[in-house]
């Protein structure tokens, strides 16, 4: 994610394509935190939180 942030924001016309990227970092951090217990439960946040995160990314223009 750091490398993607350093590359700068995507073009405005491509922003809707990249909105799901806003969810990636949280999921990967949760998987890393769980370690060996990766399949012990849900990694994703509730859907309403994911939607708010994508809305924020769309409005701010960064992930």
Protein backbone atom coordinates (compact mmCIF):
# COMPACT_ATOMS: atom_id res chain seq x y z
CA UNK A 1 0.00 0.00 0.00
CA UNK A 2 2.87 2.37 0.72
CA UNK A 3 4.18 1.99 -2.81
CA UNK A 4 0.75 2.72 -4.27
CA UNK A 5 0.39 5.84 -2.13
CA UNK A 6 3.81 7.10 -3.19
CA UNK A 7 2.79 6.76 -6.85
CA UNK A 8 0.16 9.46 -6.33
CA UNK A 9 -3.57 9.47 -6.88
CA UNK A 10 -5.10 7.79 -9.92
CA UNK A 11 -6.75 9.86 -12.60
CA UNK A 12 -10.24 11.11 -11.66
CA UNK A 13 -11.79 9.04 -14.44
CA UNK A 14 -10.32 5.86 -12.91
CA UNK A 15 -11.31 6.60 -9.31
CA UNK A 16 -14.44 4.37 -9.26
CA UNK A 17 -12.34 1.40 -10.36
CA UNK A 18 -9.96 1.81 -7.43
CA UNK A 19 -12.52 2.34 -4.66
CA UNK A 20 -12.34 -1.28 -3.51
CA UNK A 21 -8.63 -0.75 -2.87
CA UNK A 22 -9.71 1.36 0.09
CA UNK A 23 -10.80 -1.86 1.80
CA UNK A 24 -7.63 -3.82 1.16
CA UNK A 25 -5.32 -2.42 3.82
CA UNK A 26 -7.67 -3.16 6.74
CA UNK A 27 -8.25 -6.72 5.57
CA UNK A 28 -4.53 -7.39 5.09
CA UNK A 29 -3.69 -5.93 8.50
CA UNK A 30 -6.37 -8.07 10.14
CA UNK A 31 -4.98 -11.18 8.40
CA UNK A 32 -1.45 -10.33 9.50
CA UNK A 33 -2.58 -9.77 13.08
CA UNK A 34 -4.34 -13.16 13.16
CA UNK A 35 -1.30 -15.01 11.88
CA UNK A 36 -1.91 -18.76 12.06
CA UNK A 37 -5.56 -18.27 13.09
CA UNK A 38 -6.39 -16.77 9.71
CA UNK A 39 -9.45 -18.93 9.18
CA UNK A 40 -10.75 -18.59 12.76
CA UNK A 41 -13.32 -15.92 11.90
CA UNK A 42 -14.33 -13.17 9.55
CA UNK A 43 -11.61 -10.77 8.44
CA UNK A 44 -13.90 -8.26 6.81
CA UNK A 45 -15.53 -5.45 8.67
CA UNK A 46 -19.32 -5.12 8.61
CA UNK A 47 -20.67 -4.02 5.25
CA UNK A 48 -21.79 -0.58 6.48
CA UNK A 49 -18.21 0.17 7.60
CA UNK A 50 -16.80 -0.95 4.27
CA UNK A 51 -19.28 1.27 2.43
CA UNK A 52 -18.39 4.26 4.61
CA UNK A 53 -14.71 3.65 3.92
CA UNK A 54 -15.31 3.58 0.16
CA UNK A 55 -17.45 6.74 0.41
CA UNK A 56 -14.64 8.49 2.27
CA UNK A 57 -12.12 7.38 -0.33
CA UNK A 58 -14.35 8.65 -3.12
CA UNK A 59 -14.88 12.02 -1.47
CA UNK A 60 -11.28 12.61 -0.37
CA UNK A 61 -9.79 11.17 -3.55
CA UNK A 62 -7.20 8.99 -1.84
CA UNK A 63 -7.04 5.60 -0.22
